[in-house]
């Protein structure tokens, strides 16, 4: 999920055997601890500079298909 691997949650879940819900829960717990993580659920206009930069890093290595899936999953 996080740079430098920039893995999609669905891809990570499939490969690790950990459910997507568990990965999302872990991400939410990190966010609640103040750790910046991608996928905050906010509109882009509400994102902090750190959130925007995290998304840039997360999506930098994606091809067009992966980027489209990322955008669909993030809204």
PDB file of N, CA and C in Angstrom:
ATOM      1  N   UNK A   1       0.816  -1.194   0.000  1.00  0.00           N
ATOM      2  CA  UNK A   1       0.000   0.000   0.000  1.00  0.00           C
ATOM      3  C   UNK A   1       0.860   1.260   0.000  1.00  0.00           C
ATOM      4  N   UNK A   2       1.952   1.218   0.683  1.00  0.00           N
ATOM      5  CA  UNK A   2       2.767   2.416   0.857  1.00  0.00           C
ATOM      6  C   UNK A   2       3.984   2.369  -0.061  1.00  0.00           C
ATOM      7  N   UNK A   3       4.518   3.526  -0.363  1.00  0.00           N
ATOM      8  CA  UNK A   3       5.747   3.580  -1.154  1.00  0.00           C
ATOM      9  C   UNK A   3       6.864   2.833  -0.432  1.00  0.00           C
ATOM     10  N   UNK A   4       7.811   2.261  -1.087  1.00  0.00           N
ATOM     11  CA  UNK A   4       8.057   2.350  -2.527  1.00  0.00           C
ATOM     12  C   UNK A   4       7.334   1.293  -3.346  1.00  0.00           C
ATOM     13  N   UNK A   5       6.647   0.327  -2.731  1.00  0.00           N
ATOM     14  CA  UNK A   5       6.001  -0.731  -3.506  1.00  0.00           C
ATOM     15  C   UNK A   5       4.739  -0.263  -4.212  1.00  0.00           C
ATOM     16  N   UNK A   6       4.001   0.653  -3.611  1.00  0.00           N
ATOM     17  CA  UNK A   6       2.788   1.203  -4.229  1.00  0.00           C
ATOM     18  C   UNK A   6       1.794   0.122  -4.625  1.00  0.00           C
ATOM     19  N   UNK A   7       1.510  -0.780  -3.730  1.00  0.00           N
ATOM     20  CA  UNK A   7       0.626  -1.904  -4.018  1.00  0.00           C
ATOM     21  C   UNK A   7      -0.817  -1.524  -3.716  1.00  0.00           C
ATOM     22  N   UNK A   8      -1.727  -1.997  -4.543  1.00  0.00           N
ATOM     23  CA  UNK A   8      -3.152  -1.810  -4.295  1.00  0.00           C
ATOM     24  C   UNK A   8      -3.581  -2.743  -3.170  1.00  0.00           C
ATOM     25  N   UNK A   9      -4.563  -2.324  -2.407  1.00  0.00           N
ATOM     26  CA  UNK A   9      -5.053  -3.138  -1.299  1.00  0.00           C
ATOM     27  C   UNK A   9      -5.551  -4.479  -1.814  1.00  0.00           C
ATOM     28  N   UNK A  10      -6.293  -4.481  -2.905  1.00  0.00           N
ATOM     29  CA  UNK A  10      -6.822  -5.737  -3.444  1.00  0.00           C
ATOM     30  C   UNK A  10      -5.700  -6.680  -3.858  1.00  0.00           C
ATOM     31  N   UNK A  11      -4.658  -6.135  -4.451  1.00  0.00           N
ATOM     32  CA  UNK A  11      -3.509  -6.942  -4.876  1.00  0.00           C
ATOM     33  C   UNK A  11      -2.774  -7.503  -3.662  1.00  0.00           C
ATOM     34  N   UNK A  12      -2.560  -6.661  -2.676  1.00  0.00           N
ATOM     35  CA  UNK A  12      -1.874  -7.080  -1.459  1.00  0.00           C
ATOM     36  C   UNK A  12      -2.676  -8.154  -0.727  1.00  0.00           C
ATOM     37  N   UNK A  13      -3.974  -7.991  -0.663  1.00  0.00           N
ATOM     38  CA  UNK A  13      -4.836  -8.974  -0.002  1.00  0.00           C
ATOM     39  C   UNK A  13      -4.777 -10.316  -0.717  1.00  0.00           C
ATOM     40  N   UNK A  14      -4.845 -10.271  -2.025  1.00  0.00           N
ATOM     41  CA  UNK A  14      -4.817 -11.494  -2.826  1.00  0.00           C
ATOM     42  C   UNK A  14      -3.502 -12.247  -2.612  1.00  0.00           C
ATOM     43  N   UNK A  15      -2.395 -11.538  -2.625  1.00  0.00           N
ATOM     44  CA  UNK A  15      -1.089 -12.179  -2.518  1.00  0.00           C
ATOM     45  C   UNK A  15      -0.741 -12.615  -1.100  1.00  0.00           C
ATOM     46  N   UNK A  16      -1.236 -11.894  -0.100  1.00  0.00           N
ATOM     47  CA  UNK A  16      -0.855 -12.191   1.281  1.00  0.00           C
ATOM     48  C   UNK A  16      -1.832 -13.119   1.996  1.00  0.00           C
ATOM     49  N   UNK A  17      -3.062 -13.201   1.475  1.00  0.00           N
ATOM     50  CA  UNK A  17      -4.075 -13.993   2.156  1.00  0.00           C
ATOM     51  C   UNK A  17      -4.745 -13.238   3.301  1.00  0.00           C
ATOM     52  N   UNK A  18      -4.405 -11.966   3.459  1.00  0.00           N
ATOM     53  CA  UNK A  18      -5.030 -11.109   4.472  1.00  0.00           C
ATOM     54  C   UNK A  18      -6.215 -10.423   3.807  1.00  0.00           C
ATOM     55  N   UNK A  19      -7.354 -10.403   4.472  1.00  0.00           N
ATOM     56  CA  UNK A  19      -8.539  -9.818   3.846  1.00  0.00           C
ATOM     57  C   UNK A  19      -8.360  -8.319   3.632  1.00  0.00           C
ATOM     58  N   UNK A  20      -9.049  -7.805   2.610  1.00  0.00           N
ATOM     59  CA  UNK A  20      -9.012  -6.369   2.348  1.00  0.00           C
ATOM     60  C   UNK A  20      -9.504  -5.593   3.566  1.00  0.00           C
ATOM     61  N   UNK A  21     -10.545  -6.101   4.215  1.00  0.00           N
ATOM     62  CA  UNK A  21     -11.095  -5.415   5.388  1.00  0.00           C
ATOM     63  C   UNK A  21     -10.043  -5.259   6.476  1.00  0.00           C
ATOM     64  N   UNK A  22      -9.245  -6.308   6.709  1.00  0.00           N
ATOM     65  CA  UNK A  22      -8.185  -6.233   7.715  1.00  0.00           C
ATOM     66  C   UNK A  22      -7.154  -5.183   7.336  1.00  0.00           C
ATOM     67  N   UNK A  23      -6.764  -5.148   6.066  1.00  0.00           N
ATOM     68  CA  UNK A  23      -5.792  -4.153   5.609  1.00  0.00           C
ATOM     69  C   UNK A  23      -6.345  -2.737   5.770  1.00  0.00           C
ATOM     70  N   UNK A  24      -7.621  -2.553   5.423  1.00  0.00           N
ATOM     71  CA  UNK A  24      -8.237  -1.234   5.600  1.00  0.00           C
ATOM     72  C   UNK A  24      -8.314  -0.858   7.084  1.00  0.00           C
ATOM     73  N   UNK A  25      -8.600  -1.842   7.936  1.00  0.00           N
ATOM     74  CA  UNK A  25      -8.649  -1.590   9.379  1.00  0.00           C
ATOM     75  C   UNK A  25      -7.284  -1.157   9.895  1.00  0.00           C
ATOM     76  N   UNK A  26      -6.244  -1.852   9.468  1.00  0.00           N
ATOM     77  CA  UNK A  26      -4.892  -1.487   9.890  1.00  0.00           C
ATOM     78  C   UNK A  26      -4.545  -0.081   9.414  1.00  0.00           C
ATOM     79  N   UNK A  27      -4.931   0.234   8.186  1.00  0.00           N
ATOM     80  CA  UNK A  27      -4.648   1.563   7.650  1.00  0.00           C
ATOM     81  C   UNK A  27      -5.382   2.635   8.466  1.00  0.00           C
ATOM     82  N   UNK A  28      -6.643   2.365   8.811  1.00  0.00           N
ATOM     83  CA  UNK A  28      -7.418   3.316   9.619  1.00  0.00           C
ATOM     84  C   UNK A  28      -6.783   3.505  10.997  1.00  0.00           C
ATOM     85  N   UNK A  29      -6.305   2.410  11.593  1.00  0.00           N
ATOM     86  CA  UNK A  29      -5.656   2.510  12.899  1.00  0.00           C
ATOM     87  C   UNK A  29      -4.398   3.379  12.822  1.00  0.00           C
ATOM     88  N   UNK A  30      -3.617   3.218  11.756  1.00  0.00           N
ATOM     89  CA  UNK A  30      -2.430   4.057  11.579  1.00  0.00           C
ATOM     90  C   UNK A  30      -2.823   5.520  11.424  1.00  0.00           C
ATOM     91  N   UNK A  31      -3.864   5.762  10.630  1.00  0.00           N
ATOM     92  CA  UNK A  31      -4.342   7.135  10.423  1.00  0.00           C
ATOM     93  C   UNK A  31      -4.777   7.748  11.753  1.00  0.00           C
ATOM     94  N   UNK A  32      -5.461   6.965  12.585  1.00  0.00           N
ATOM     95  CA  UNK A  32      -5.918   7.456  13.886  1.00  0.00           C
ATOM     96  C   UNK A  32      -4.758   7.770  14.824  1.00  0.00           C
ATOM     97  N   UNK A  33      -3.611   7.148  14.585  1.00  0.00           N
ATOM     98  CA  UNK A  33      -2.411   7.423  15.376  1.00  0.00           C
ATOM     99  C   UNK A  33      -1.648   8.628  14.837  1.00  0.00           C
ATOM    100  N   UNK A  34      -2.178   9.234  13.765  1.00  0.00           N
ATOM    101  CA  UNK A  34      -1.541  10.413  13.197  1.00  0.00           C
ATOM    102  C   UNK A  34      -0.509  10.109  12.137  1.00  0.00           C
ATOM    103  N   UNK A  35      -0.415   8.853  11.730  1.00  0.00           N
ATOM    104  CA  UNK A  35       0.544   8.469  10.698  1.00  0.00           C
ATOM    105  C   UNK A  35      -0.106   8.713   9.342  1.00  0.00           C
ATOM    106  N   UNK A  36       0.524   9.512   8.465  1.00  0.00           N
ATOM    107  CA  UNK A  36      -0.087   9.788   7.159  1.00  0.00           C
ATOM    108  C   UNK A  36      -0.099   8.541   6.285  1.00  0.00           C
ATOM    109  N   UNK A  37      -1.277   8.182   5.828  1.00  0.00           N
ATOM    110  CA  UNK A  37      -1.437   7.036   4.932  1.00  0.00           C
ATOM    111  C   UNK A  37      -2.341   7.448   3.782  1.00  0.00           C
ATOM    112  N   UNK A  38      -2.150   6.852   2.615  1.00  0.00           N
ATOM    113  CA  UNK A  38      -3.021   7.177   1.486  1.00  0.00           C
ATOM    114  C   UNK A  38      -4.433   6.660   1.715  1.00  0.00           C
ATOM    115  N   UNK A  39      -5.370   7.204   0.960  1.00  0.00           N
ATOM    116  CA  UNK A  39      -6.746   6.735   1.041  1.00  0.00           C
ATOM    117  C   UNK A  39      -7.483   7.255   2.249  1.00  0.00           C
ATOM    118  N   UNK A  40      -7.439   8.542   2.474  1.00  0.00           N
ATOM    119  CA  UNK A  40      -8.048   9.119   3.668  1.00  0.00           C
ATOM    120  C   UNK A  40      -9.565   9.207   3.591  1.00  0.00           C
ATOM    121  N   UNK A  41     -10.135   9.061   2.383  1.00  0.00           N
ATOM    122  CA  UNK A  41     -11.576   9.168   2.232  1.00  0.00           C
ATOM    123  C   UNK A  41     -12.065  10.590   2.085  1.00  0.00           C
ATOM    124  N   UNK A  42     -11.174  11.574   2.127  1.00  0.00           N
ATOM    125  CA  UNK A  42     -11.553  12.972   1.963  1.00  0.00           C
ATOM    126  C   UNK A  42     -11.609  13.313   0.481  1.00  0.00           C
ATOM    127  N   UNK A  43     -12.337  14.378   0.166  1.00  0.00           N
ATOM    128  CA  UNK A  43     -12.291  14.913  -1.186  1.00  0.00           C
ATOM    129  C   UNK A  43     -10.911  15.492  -1.416  1.00  0.00           C
ATOM    130  N   UNK A  44     -10.465  15.488  -2.656  1.00  0.00           N
ATOM    131  CA  UNK A  44      -9.122  15.973  -2.973  1.00  0.00           C
ATOM    132  C   UNK A  44      -8.909  17.409  -2.503  1.00  0.00           C
ATOM    133  N   UNK A  45      -9.969  18.208  -2.498  1.00  0.00           N
ATOM    134  CA  UNK A  45      -9.842  19.594  -2.053  1.00  0.00           C
ATOM    135  C   UNK A  45      -9.502  19.683  -0.569  1.00  0.00           C
ATOM    136  N   UNK A  46      -9.823  18.644   0.195  1.00  0.00           N
ATOM    137  CA  UNK A  46      -9.587  18.637   1.638  1.00  0.00           C
ATOM    138  C   UNK A  46      -8.259  17.986   2.018  1.00  0.00           C
ATOM    139  N   UNK A  47      -7.544  17.427   1.050  1.00  0.00           N
ATOM    140  CA  UNK A  47      -6.305  16.722   1.345  1.00  0.00           C
ATOM    141  C   UNK A  47      -5.224  17.690   1.788  1.00  0.00           C
ATOM    142  N   UNK A  48      -4.395  17.230   2.708  1.00  0.00           N
ATOM    143  CA  UNK A  48      -3.219  18.004   3.095  1.00  0.00           C
ATOM    144  C   UNK A  48      -2.138  17.793   2.042  1.00  0.00           C
ATOM    145  N   UNK A  49      -1.111  18.590   2.094  1.00  0.00           N
ATOM    146  CA  UNK A  49       0.018  18.417   1.178  1.00  0.00           C
ATOM    147  C   UNK A  49       0.638  17.035   1.345  1.00  0.00           C
ATOM    148  N   UNK A  50       0.693  16.558   2.582  1.00  0.00           N
ATOM    149  CA  UNK A  50       1.251  15.233   2.848  1.00  0.00           C
ATOM    150  C   UNK A  50       0.405  14.142   2.201  1.00  0.00           C
ATOM    151  N   UNK A  51      -0.934  14.275   2.288  1.00  0.00           N
ATOM    152  CA  UNK A  51      -1.830  13.304   1.657  1.00  0.00           C
ATOM    153  C   UNK A  51      -1.616  13.281   0.150  1.00  0.00           C
ATOM    154  N   UNK A  52      -1.539  14.448  -0.442  1.00  0.00           N
ATOM    155  CA  UNK A  52      -1.354  14.539  -1.895  1.00  0.00           C
ATOM    156  C   UNK A  52      -0.033  13.917  -2.314  1.00  0.00           C
ATOM    157  N   UNK A  53       1.011  14.212  -1.571  1.00  0.00           N
ATOM    158  CA  UNK A  53       2.317  13.659  -1.899  1.00  0.00           C
ATOM    159  C   UNK A  53       2.314  12.142  -1.757  1.00  0.00           C
ATOM    160  N   UNK A  54       1.642  11.616  -0.726  1.00  0.00           N
ATOM    161  CA  UNK A  54       1.559  10.166  -0.529  1.00  0.00           C
ATOM    162  C   UNK A  54       0.869   9.496  -1.712  1.00  0.00           C
ATOM    163  N   UNK A  55      -0.181  10.130  -2.241  1.00  0.00           N
ATOM    164  CA  UNK A  55      -0.880   9.574  -3.402  1.00  0.00           C
ATOM    165  C   UNK A  55       0.023   9.599  -4.628  1.00  0.00           C
ATOM    166  N   UNK A  56       0.770  10.673  -4.806  1.00  0.00           N
ATOM    167  CA  UNK A  56       1.712  10.748  -5.932  1.00  0.00           C
ATOM    168  C   UNK A  56       2.716   9.608  -5.838  1.00  0.00           C
ATOM    169  N   UNK A  57       3.270   9.391  -4.653  1.00  0.00           N
ATOM    170  CA  UNK A  57       4.228   8.307  -4.471  1.00  0.00           C
ATOM    171  C   UNK A  57       3.578   6.946  -4.682  1.00  0.00           C
ATOM    172  N   UNK A  58       2.366   6.798  -4.185  1.00  0.00           N
ATOM    173  CA  UNK A  58       1.667   5.514  -4.275  1.00  0.00           C
ATOM    174  C   UNK A  58       1.325   5.159  -5.716  1.00  0.00           C
ATOM    175  N   UNK A  59       1.046   6.144  -6.534  1.00  0.00           N
ATOM    176  CA  UNK A  59       0.592   5.873  -7.901  1.00  0.00           C
ATOM    177  C   UNK A  59       1.673   6.033  -8.958  1.00  0.00           C
ATOM    178  N   UNK A  60       2.844   6.490  -8.585  1.00  0.00           N
ATOM    179  CA  UNK A  60       3.899   6.796  -9.562  1.00  0.00           C
ATOM    180  C   UNK A  60       4.274   5.599 -10.429  1.00  0.00           C
ATOM    181  N   UNK A  61       4.294   4.420  -9.869  1.00  0.00           N
ATOM    182  CA  UNK A  61       4.745   3.245 -10.614  1.00  0.00           C
ATOM    183  C   UNK A  61       3.605   2.477 -11.288  1.00  0.00           C
ATOM    184  N   UNK A  62       2.376   2.955 -11.180  1.00  0.00           N
ATOM    185  CA  UNK A  62       1.233   2.236 -11.745  1.00  0.00           C
ATOM    186  C   UNK A  62       1.120   2.476 -13.244  1.00  0.00           C
ATOM    187  N   UNK A  63       0.707   1.420 -13.958  1.00  0.00           N
ATOM    188  CA  UNK A  63       0.403   1.611 -15.377  1.00  0.00           C
ATOM    189  C   UNK A  63      -1.026   2.154 -15.484  1.00  0.00           C
ATOM    190  N   UNK A  64      -1.485   2.403 -16.699  1.00  0.00           N
ATOM    191  CA  UNK A  64      -2.795   3.035 -16.899  1.00  0.00           C
ATOM    192  C   UNK A  64      -3.933   2.209 -16.311  1.00  0.00           C
ATOM    193  N   UNK A  65      -3.886   0.897 -16.474  1.00  0.00           N
ATOM    194  CA  UNK A  65      -4.939   0.025 -15.956  1.00  0.00           C
ATOM    195  C   UNK A  65      -4.954   0.050 -14.432  1.00  0.00           C
ATOM    196  N   UNK A  66      -3.777  -0.062 -13.830  1.00  0.00           N
ATOM    197  CA  UNK A  66      -3.684  -0.038 -12.373  1.00  0.00           C
ATOM    198  C   UNK A  66      -4.107   1.320 -11.814  1.00  0.00           C
ATOM    199  N   UNK A  67      -3.731   2.381 -12.514  1.00  0.00           N
ATOM    200  CA  UNK A  67      -4.118   3.722 -12.073  1.00  0.00           C
ATOM    201  C   UNK A  67      -5.633   3.896 -12.135  1.00  0.00           C
ATOM    202  N   UNK A  68      -6.253   3.371 -13.192  1.00  0.00           N
ATOM    203  CA  UNK A  68      -7.709   3.447 -13.305  1.00  0.00           C
ATOM    204  C   UNK A  68      -8.376   2.690 -12.160  1.00  0.00           C
ATOM    205  N   UNK A  69      -7.854   1.504 -11.827  1.00  0.00           N
ATOM    206  CA  UNK A  69      -8.408   0.733 -10.718  1.00  0.00           C
ATOM    207  C   UNK A  69      -8.216   1.485  -9.399  1.00  0.00           C
ATOM    208  N   UNK A  70      -7.057   2.084  -9.230  1.00  0.00           N
ATOM    209  CA  UNK A  70      -6.772   2.869  -8.028  1.00  0.00           C
ATOM    210  C   UNK A  70      -7.782   4.007  -7.891  1.00  0.00           C
ATOM    211  N   UNK A  71      -7.992   4.736  -8.983  1.00  0.00           N
ATOM    212  CA  UNK A  71      -8.925   5.870  -8.957  1.00  0.00           C
ATOM    213  C   UNK A  71     -10.351   5.415  -8.666  1.00  0.00           C
ATOM    214  N   UNK A  72     -10.761   4.294  -9.243  1.00  0.00           N
ATOM    215  CA  UNK A  72     -12.104   3.776  -8.970  1.00  0.00           C
ATOM    216  C   UNK A  72     -12.255   3.386  -7.507  1.00  0.00           C
ATOM    217  N   UNK A  73     -11.226   2.772  -6.939  1.00  0.00           N
ATOM    218  CA  UNK A  73     -11.329   2.307  -5.556  1.00  0.00           C
ATOM    219  C   UNK A  73     -11.248   3.454  -4.554  1.00  0.00           C
ATOM    220  N   UNK A  74     -10.585   4.547  -4.923  1.00  0.00           N
ATOM    221  CA  UNK A  74     -10.428   5.684  -4.017  1.00  0.00           C
ATOM    222  C   UNK A  74     -11.504   6.746  -4.193  1.00  0.00           C
ATOM    223  N   UNK A  75     -12.226   6.658  -5.289  1.00  0.00           N
ATOM    224  CA  UNK A  75     -13.298   7.613  -5.528  1.00  0.00           C
ATOM    225  C   UNK A  75     -12.898   8.874  -6.202  1.00  0.00           C
TER     226      UNK A  75
END
